[in-house]
Amino acid sequence: MLYRKCRVYEGYWVNDNRHGRGMERYSNGNYYEGDFAKNKPDGKGIYAWVNGEVYEGEWKIGLKEGQGIWKGIFGDSYIG
């Protein structure tokens, strides 16, 4: 689905909600690829910022929650 301002979602839908595996690219160049539930990242997924930072891990109702790893642009990282 193509939204206004170049936001794009490719993936599964259930009852008009993003639900299941999918990828969403935002107008600023950031993207999320992973599991969705009720239109929000939920489960395992990767969020990548256009500046090169990446978070890979668990999500709950659109928020980072649980185990994951964040990798910064200068080689720094956080695991937790």
PDB file of N, CA and C in Angstrom:
ATOM      1  N   MET A   1       0.840  -1.163   0.000  1.00  0.00           N
ATOM      2  CA  MET A   1       0.000   0.000   0.000  1.00  0.00           C
ATOM      3  C   MET A   1       0.888   1.228   0.000  1.00  0.00           C
ATOM      4  N   LEU A   2       0.561   2.185  -0.829  1.00  0.00           N
ATOM      5  CA  LEU A   2       1.286   3.452  -0.899  1.00  0.00           C
ATOM      6  C   LEU A   2       0.470   4.516  -0.177  1.00  0.00           C
ATOM      7  N   TYR A   3       1.046   5.102   0.862  1.00  0.00           N
ATOM      8  CA  TYR A   3       0.393   6.157   1.627  1.00  0.00           C
ATOM      9  C   TYR A   3       0.842   7.508   1.096  1.00  0.00           C
ATOM     10  N   ARG A   4       0.277   8.556   1.616  1.00  0.00           N
ATOM     11  CA  ARG A   4       0.732   9.907   1.282  1.00  0.00           C
ATOM     12  C   ARG A   4       2.184  10.083   1.700  1.00  0.00           C
ATOM     13  N   LYS A   5       2.845  11.015   1.064  1.00  0.00           N
ATOM     14  CA  LYS A   5       4.222  11.389   1.404  1.00  0.00           C
ATOM     15  C   LYS A   5       5.193  10.218   1.293  1.00  0.00           C
ATOM     16  N   CYS A   6       4.978   9.338   0.343  1.00  0.00           N
ATOM     17  CA  CYS A   6       5.921   8.270  -0.013  1.00  0.00           C
ATOM     18  C   CYS A   6       6.099   7.186   1.043  1.00  0.00           C
ATOM     19  N   ARG A   7       5.202   7.016   1.990  1.00  0.00           N
ATOM     20  CA  ARG A   7       5.267   5.913   2.942  1.00  0.00           C
ATOM     21  C   ARG A   7       4.691   4.685   2.259  1.00  0.00           C
ATOM     22  N   VAL A   8       5.389   3.558   2.374  1.00  0.00           N
ATOM     23  CA  VAL A   8       4.991   2.345   1.671  1.00  0.00           C
ATOM     24  C   VAL A   8       4.953   1.173   2.634  1.00  0.00           C
ATOM     25  N   TYR A   9       3.903   0.341   2.530  1.00  0.00           N
ATOM     26  CA  TYR A   9       3.820  -0.900   3.292  1.00  0.00           C
ATOM     27  C   TYR A   9       3.618  -2.046   2.321  1.00  0.00           C
ATOM     28  N   GLU A  10       4.418  -3.087   2.480  1.00  0.00           N
ATOM     29  CA  GLU A  10       4.267  -4.323   1.718  1.00  0.00           C
ATOM     30  C   GLU A  10       4.183  -5.456   2.718  1.00  0.00           C
ATOM     31  N   GLY A  11       3.110  -6.220   2.670  1.00  0.00           N
ATOM     32  CA  GLY A  11       2.994  -7.330   3.602  1.00  0.00           C
ATOM     33  C   GLY A  11       1.569  -7.808   3.747  1.00  0.00           C
ATOM     34  N   TYR A  12       1.327  -8.527   4.833  1.00  0.00           N
ATOM     35  CA  TYR A  12       0.042  -9.163   5.077  1.00  0.00           C
ATOM     36  C   TYR A  12      -0.922  -8.228   5.790  1.00  0.00           C
ATOM     37  N   TRP A  13      -2.196  -8.470   5.531  1.00  0.00           N
ATOM     38  CA  TRP A  13      -3.293  -7.708   6.137  1.00  0.00           C
ATOM     39  C   TRP A  13      -4.299  -8.686   6.727  1.00  0.00           C
ATOM     40  N   VAL A  14      -4.916  -8.302   7.832  1.00  0.00           N
ATOM     41  CA  VAL A  14      -6.039  -9.043   8.414  1.00  0.00           C
ATOM     42  C   VAL A  14      -7.063  -8.004   8.873  1.00  0.00           C
ATOM     43  N   ASN A  15      -8.265  -8.093   8.364  1.00  0.00           N
ATOM     44  CA  ASN A  15      -9.343  -7.155   8.729  1.00  0.00           C
ATOM     45  C   ASN A  15      -8.907  -5.695   8.602  1.00  0.00           C
ATOM     46  N   ASP A  16      -8.288  -5.346   7.468  1.00  0.00           N
ATOM     47  CA  ASP A  16      -7.823  -3.982   7.191  1.00  0.00           C
ATOM     48  C   ASP A  16      -6.744  -3.487   8.138  1.00  0.00           C
ATOM     49  N   ASN A  17      -6.032  -4.383   8.788  1.00  0.00           N
ATOM     50  CA  ASN A  17      -4.910  -4.040   9.657  1.00  0.00           C
ATOM     51  C   ASN A  17      -3.645  -4.716   9.151  1.00  0.00           C
ATOM     52  N   ARG A  18      -2.516  -4.015   9.237  1.00  0.00           N
ATOM     53  CA  ARG A  18      -1.233  -4.652   8.954  1.00  0.00           C
ATOM     54  C   ARG A  18      -1.047  -5.717  10.021  1.00  0.00           C
ATOM     55  N   HIS A  19      -0.922  -6.957   9.598  1.00  0.00           N
ATOM     56  CA  HIS A  19      -0.867  -8.060  10.555  1.00  0.00           C
ATOM     57  C   HIS A  19      -0.116  -9.230   9.922  1.00  0.00           C
ATOM     58  N   GLY A  20       0.937  -9.694  10.572  1.00  0.00           N
ATOM     59  CA  GLY A  20       1.787 -10.741  10.011  1.00  0.00           C
ATOM     60  C   GLY A  20       3.092 -10.121   9.549  1.00  0.00           C
ATOM     61  N   ARG A  21       3.762 -10.774   8.653  1.00  0.00           N
ATOM     62  CA  ARG A  21       5.063 -10.323   8.165  1.00  0.00           C
ATOM     63  C   ARG A  21       4.893  -9.169   7.186  1.00  0.00           C
ATOM     64  N   GLY A  22       5.749  -8.144   7.317  1.00  0.00           N
ATOM     65  CA  GLY A  22       5.662  -7.016   6.395  1.00  0.00           C
ATOM     66  C   GLY A  22       6.859  -6.105   6.485  1.00  0.00           C
ATOM     67  N   MET A  23       6.867  -5.102   5.618  1.00  0.00           N
ATOM     68  CA  MET A  23       7.925  -4.105   5.583  1.00  0.00           C
ATOM     69  C   MET A  23       7.279  -2.749   5.345  1.00  0.00           C
ATOM     70  N   GLU A  24       7.666  -1.774   6.156  1.00  0.00           N
ATOM     71  CA  GLU A  24       7.171  -0.411   5.985  1.00  0.00           C
ATOM     72  C   GLU A  24       8.355   0.529   5.843  1.00  0.00           C
ATOM     73  N   ARG A  25       8.322   1.305   4.758  1.00  0.00           N
ATOM     74  CA  ARG A  25       9.357   2.312   4.510  1.00  0.00           C
ATOM     75  C   ARG A  25       8.704   3.676   4.707  1.00  0.00           C
ATOM     76  N   TYR A  26       9.334   4.502   5.549  1.00  0.00           N
ATOM     77  CA  TYR A  26       8.780   5.799   5.900  1.00  0.00           C
ATOM     78  C   TYR A  26       9.318   6.880   4.964  1.00  0.00           C
ATOM     79  N   SER A  27       8.628   8.002   4.918  1.00  0.00           N
ATOM     80  CA  SER A  27       8.993   9.078   3.994  1.00  0.00           C
ATOM     81  C   SER A  27      10.384   9.649   4.265  1.00  0.00           C
ATOM     82  N   ASN A  28      10.893   9.501   5.495  1.00  0.00           N
ATOM     83  CA  ASN A  28      12.231  10.012   5.822  1.00  0.00           C
ATOM     84  C   ASN A  28      13.353   9.035   5.456  1.00  0.00           C
ATOM     85  N   GLY A  29      12.996   7.852   4.914  1.00  0.00           N
ATOM     86  CA  GLY A  29      13.993   6.869   4.507  1.00  0.00           C
ATOM     87  C   GLY A  29      14.194   5.742   5.502  1.00  0.00           C
ATOM     88  N   ASN A  30      13.739   5.892   6.742  1.00  0.00           N
ATOM     89  CA  ASN A  30      13.815   4.819   7.727  1.00  0.00           C
ATOM     90  C   ASN A  30      12.882   3.688   7.305  1.00  0.00           C
ATOM     91  N   TYR A  31      13.145   2.468   7.796  1.00  0.00           N
ATOM     92  CA  TYR A  31      12.217   1.374   7.505  1.00  0.00           C
ATOM     93  C   TYR A  31      12.179   0.363   8.645  1.00  0.00           C
ATOM     94  N   TYR A  32      11.060  -0.356   8.691  1.00  0.00           N
ATOM     95  CA  TYR A  32      10.862  -1.461   9.621  1.00  0.00           C
ATOM     96  C   TYR A  32      10.505  -2.686   8.800  1.00  0.00           C
ATOM     97  N   GLU A  33      11.150  -3.805   9.118  1.00  0.00           N
ATOM     98  CA  GLU A  33      10.830  -5.073   8.467  1.00  0.00           C
ATOM     99  C   GLU A  33      10.687  -6.132   9.550  1.00  0.00           C
ATOM    100  N   GLY A  34       9.525  -6.777   9.582  1.00  0.00           N
ATOM    101  CA  GLY A  34       9.304  -7.791  10.598  1.00  0.00           C
ATOM    102  C   GLY A  34       7.837  -8.086  10.791  1.00  0.00           C
ATOM    103  N   ASP A  35       7.499  -8.448  12.020  1.00  0.00           N
ATOM    104  CA  ASP A  35       6.139  -8.840  12.362  1.00  0.00           C
ATOM    105  C   ASP A  35       5.301  -7.629  12.749  1.00  0.00           C
ATOM    106  N   PHE A  36       4.026  -7.658  12.339  1.00  0.00           N
ATOM    107  CA  PHE A  36       3.051  -6.636  12.695  1.00  0.00           C
ATOM    108  C   PHE A  36       1.867  -7.312  13.372  1.00  0.00           C
ATOM    109  N   ALA A  37       1.201  -6.575  14.261  1.00  0.00           N
ATOM    110  CA  ALA A  37      -0.068  -6.998  14.845  1.00  0.00           C
ATOM    111  C   ALA A  37      -0.895  -5.743  15.065  1.00  0.00           C
ATOM    112  N   LYS A  38      -2.094  -5.752  14.543  1.00  0.00           N
ATOM    113  CA  LYS A  38      -3.011  -4.613  14.699  1.00  0.00           C
ATOM    114  C   LYS A  38      -2.354  -3.298  14.302  1.00  0.00           C
ATOM    115  N   ASN A  39      -1.679  -3.280  13.150  1.00  0.00           N
ATOM    116  CA  ASN A  39      -1.072  -2.078  12.553  1.00  0.00           C
ATOM    117  C   ASN A  39       0.211  -1.597  13.212  1.00  0.00           C
ATOM    118  N   LYS A  40       0.775  -2.339  14.155  1.00  0.00           N
ATOM    119  CA  LYS A  40       1.996  -1.897  14.831  1.00  0.00           C
ATOM    120  C   LYS A  40       3.055  -2.999  14.807  1.00  0.00           C
ATOM    121  N   PRO A  41       4.341  -2.612  14.819  1.00  0.00           N
ATOM    122  CA  PRO A  41       5.376  -3.633  14.962  1.00  0.00           C
ATOM    123  C   PRO A  41       5.137  -4.432  16.242  1.00  0.00           C
ATOM    124  N   ASP A  42       5.134  -5.750  16.121  1.00  0.00           N
ATOM    125  CA  ASP A  42       4.835  -6.601  17.267  1.00  0.00           C
ATOM    126  C   ASP A  42       5.404  -7.986  16.982  1.00  0.00           C
ATOM    127  N   GLY A  43       6.398  -8.392  17.748  1.00  0.00           N
ATOM    128  CA  GLY A  43       7.099  -9.651  17.504  1.00  0.00           C
ATOM    129  C   GLY A  43       8.560  -9.355  17.248  1.00  0.00           C
ATOM    130  N   LYS A  44       9.150 -10.007  16.279  1.00  0.00           N
ATOM    131  CA  LYS A  44      10.561  -9.776  15.941  1.00  0.00           C
ATOM    132  C   LYS A  44      10.650  -8.912  14.695  1.00  0.00           C
ATOM    133  N   GLY A  45      11.609  -7.979  14.709  1.00  0.00           N
ATOM    134  CA  GLY A  45      11.767  -7.118  13.557  1.00  0.00           C
ATOM    135  C   GLY A  45      13.033  -6.291  13.609  1.00  0.00           C
ATOM    136  N   ILE A  46      13.284  -5.633  12.491  1.00  0.00           N
ATOM    137  CA  ILE A  46      14.458  -4.769  12.319  1.00  0.00           C
ATOM    138  C   ILE A  46      13.972  -3.378  11.957  1.00  0.00           C
ATOM    139  N   TYR A  47      14.487  -2.372  12.685  1.00  0.00           N
ATOM    140  CA  TYR A  47      14.226  -0.983  12.341  1.00  0.00           C
ATOM    141  C   TYR A  47      15.564  -0.375  11.961  1.00  0.00           C
ATOM    142  N   ALA A  48      15.625   0.236  10.781  1.00  0.00           N
ATOM    143  CA  ALA A  48      16.866   0.849  10.319  1.00  0.00           C
ATOM    144  C   ALA A  48      16.633   2.326  10.034  1.00  0.00           C
ATOM    145  N   TRP A  49      17.496   3.159  10.601  1.00  0.00           N
ATOM    146  CA  TRP A  49      17.440   4.589  10.368  1.00  0.00           C
ATOM    147  C   TRP A  49      18.270   4.920   9.131  1.00  0.00           C
ATOM    148  N   VAL A  50      17.927   5.968   8.457  1.00  0.00           N
ATOM    149  CA  VAL A  50      18.636   6.369   7.252  1.00  0.00           C
ATOM    150  C   VAL A  50      20.101   6.738   7.547  1.00  0.00           C
ATOM    151  N   ASN A  51      20.419   7.102   8.788  1.00  0.00           N
ATOM    152  CA  ASN A  51      21.802   7.461   9.146  1.00  0.00           C
ATOM    153  C   ASN A  51      22.695   6.242   9.374  1.00  0.00           C
ATOM    154  N   GLY A  52      22.109   5.016   9.313  1.00  0.00           N
ATOM    155  CA  GLY A  52      22.903   3.803   9.452  1.00  0.00           C
ATOM    156  C   GLY A  52      22.696   3.044  10.747  1.00  0.00           C
ATOM    157  N   GLU A  53      22.013   3.630  11.735  1.00  0.00           N
ATOM    158  CA  GLU A  53      21.730   2.921  12.978  1.00  0.00           C
ATOM    159  C   GLU A  53      20.706   1.820  12.717  1.00  0.00           C
ATOM    160  N   VAL A  54      20.806   0.713  13.481  1.00  0.00           N
ATOM    161  CA  VAL A  54      19.902  -0.427  13.296  1.00  0.00           C
ATOM    162  C   VAL A  54      19.538  -1.003  14.658  1.00  0.00           C
ATOM    163  N   TYR A  55      18.254  -1.322  14.832  1.00  0.00           N
ATOM    164  CA  TYR A  55      17.806  -2.080  15.997  1.00  0.00           C
ATOM    165  C   TYR A  55      17.190  -3.370  15.475  1.00  0.00           C
ATOM    166  N   GLU A  56      17.647  -4.491  16.007  1.00  0.00           N
ATOM    167  CA  GLU A  56      17.093  -5.790  15.642  1.00  0.00           C
ATOM    168  C   GLU A  56      16.696  -6.500  16.920  1.00  0.00           C
ATOM    169  N   GLY A  57      15.422  -6.829  17.027  1.00  0.00           N
ATOM    170  CA  GLY A  57      14.982  -7.498  18.242  1.00  0.00           C
ATOM    171  C   GLY A  57      13.474  -7.589  18.343  1.00  0.00           C
ATOM    172  N   GLU A  58      13.016  -7.597  19.591  1.00  0.00           N
ATOM    173  CA  GLU A  58      11.606  -7.814  19.881  1.00  0.00           C
ATOM    174  C   GLU A  58      10.850  -6.492  20.025  1.00  0.00           C
ATOM    175  N   TRP A  59       9.584  -6.537  19.622  1.00  0.00           N
ATOM    176  CA  TRP A  59       8.690  -5.384  19.664  1.00  0.00           C
ATOM    177  C   TRP A  59       7.385  -5.786  20.332  1.00  0.00           C
ATOM    178  N   LYS A  60       6.745  -4.830  20.974  1.00  0.00           N
ATOM    179  CA  LYS A  60       5.429  -5.051  21.574  1.00  0.00           C
ATOM    180  C   LYS A  60       4.600  -3.777  21.372  1.00  0.00           C
ATOM    181  N   ILE A  61       3.522  -3.896  20.653  1.00  0.00           N
ATOM    182  CA  ILE A  61       2.587  -2.798  20.386  1.00  0.00           C
ATOM    183  C   ILE A  61       3.313  -1.541  19.892  1.00  0.00           C
ATOM    184  N   GLY A  62       4.247  -1.712  18.968  1.00  0.00           N
ATOM    185  CA  GLY A  62       4.933  -0.592  18.354  1.00  0.00           C
ATOM    186  C   GLY A  62       6.143  -0.067  19.090  1.00  0.00           C
ATOM    187  N   LEU A  63       6.495  -0.670  20.237  1.00  0.00           N
ATOM    188  CA  LEU A  63       7.643  -0.220  21.023  1.00  0.00           C
ATOM    189  C   LEU A  63       8.681  -1.333  21.147  1.00  0.00           C
ATOM    190  N   LYS A  64       9.955  -0.944  21.216  1.00  0.00           N
ATOM    191  CA  LYS A  64      11.014  -1.922  21.443  1.00  0.00           C
ATOM    192  C   LYS A  64      10.835  -2.493  22.842  1.00  0.00           C
ATOM    193  N   GLU A  65      10.690  -3.803  22.934  1.00  0.00           N
ATOM    194  CA  GLU A  65      10.500  -4.444  24.236  1.00  0.00           C
ATOM    195  C   GLU A  65      11.022  -5.863  24.177  1.00  0.00           C
ATOM    196  N   GLY A  66      11.795  -6.253  25.180  1.00  0.00           N
ATOM    197  CA  GLY A  66      12.361  -7.588  25.208  1.00  0.00           C
ATOM    198  C   GLY A  66      13.819  -7.550  24.784  1.00  0.00           C
ATOM    199  N   GLN A  67      14.301  -8.630  24.221  1.00  0.00           N
ATOM    200  CA  GLN A  67      15.698  -8.750  23.815  1.00  0.00           C
ATOM    201  C   GLN A  67      15.936  -8.107  22.457  1.00  0.00           C
ATOM    202  N   GLY A  68      17.090  -7.461  22.332  1.00  0.00           N
ATOM    203  CA  GLY A  68      17.439  -6.865  21.055  1.00  0.00           C
ATOM    204  C   GLY A  68      18.848  -6.326  21.065  1.00  0.00           C
ATOM    205  N   ILE A  69      19.273  -5.882  19.894  1.00  0.00           N
ATOM    206  CA  ILE A  69      20.595  -5.266  19.747  1.00  0.00           C
ATOM    207  C   ILE A  69      20.458  -4.005  18.907  1.00  0.00           C
ATOM    208  N   TRP A  70      21.040  -2.946  19.409  1.00  0.00           N
ATOM    209  CA  TRP A  70      21.102  -1.683  18.692  1.00  0.00           C
ATOM    210  C   TRP A  70      22.539  -1.489  18.245  1.00  0.00           C
ATOM    211  N   LYS A  71      22.724  -1.157  16.975  1.00  0.00           N
ATOM    212  CA  LYS A  71      24.064  -0.912  16.441  1.00  0.00           C
ATOM    213  C   LYS A  71      24.139   0.526  15.962  1.00  0.00           C
ATOM    214  N   GLY A  72      25.109   1.252  16.492  1.00  0.00           N
ATOM    215  CA  GLY A  72      25.306   2.653  16.128  1.00  0.00           C
ATOM    216  C   GLY A  72      26.166   2.812  14.895  1.00  0.00           C
ATOM    217  N   ILE A  73      26.302   4.039  14.465  1.00  0.00           N
ATOM    218  CA  ILE A  73      27.049   4.316  13.237  1.00  0.00           C
ATOM    219  C   ILE A  73      28.559   4.381  13.441  1.00  0.00           C
ATOM    220  N   PHE A  74      29.003   4.410  14.693  1.00  0.00           N
ATOM    221  CA  PHE A  74      30.430   4.480  14.974  1.00  0.00           C
ATOM    222  C   PHE A  74      30.981   3.176  15.526  1.00  0.00           C
ATOM    223  N   GLY A  75      30.251   2.068  15.305  1.00  0.00           N
ATOM    224  CA  GLY A  75      30.707   0.768  15.770  1.00  0.00           C
ATOM    225  C   GLY A  75      30.255   0.421  17.179  1.00  0.00           C
ATOM    226  N   ASP A  76      29.580   1.366  17.836  1.00  0.00           N
ATOM    227  CA  ASP A  76      29.075   1.084  19.174  1.00  0.00           C
ATOM    228  C   ASP A  76      27.804   0.257  19.094  1.00  0.00           C
ATOM    229  N   SER A  77      27.494  -0.457  20.162  1.00  0.00           N
ATOM    230  CA  SER A  77      26.285  -1.287  20.169  1.00  0.00           C
ATOM    231  C   SER A  77      25.800  -1.487  21.589  1.00  0.00           C
ATOM    232  N   TYR A  78      24.544  -1.872  21.691  1.00  0.00           N
ATOM    233  CA  TYR A  78      23.936  -2.188  22.980  1.00  0.00           C
ATOM    234  C   TYR A  78      23.153  -3.473  22.805  1.00  0.00           C
ATOM    235  N   ILE A  79      23.385  -4.427  23.690  1.00  0.00           N
ATOM    236  CA  ILE A  79      22.657  -5.693  23.666  1.00  0.00           C
ATOM    237  C   ILE A  79      21.901  -5.793  24.984  1.00  0.00           C
ATOM    238  N   GLY A  80      20.633  -6.097  24.884  1.00  0.00           N
ATOM    239  CA  GLY A  80      19.868  -6.212  26.120  1.00  0.00           C
ATOM    240  C   GLY A  80      18.408  -6.463  25.879  1.00  0.00           C
TER     241      GLY A  80
END
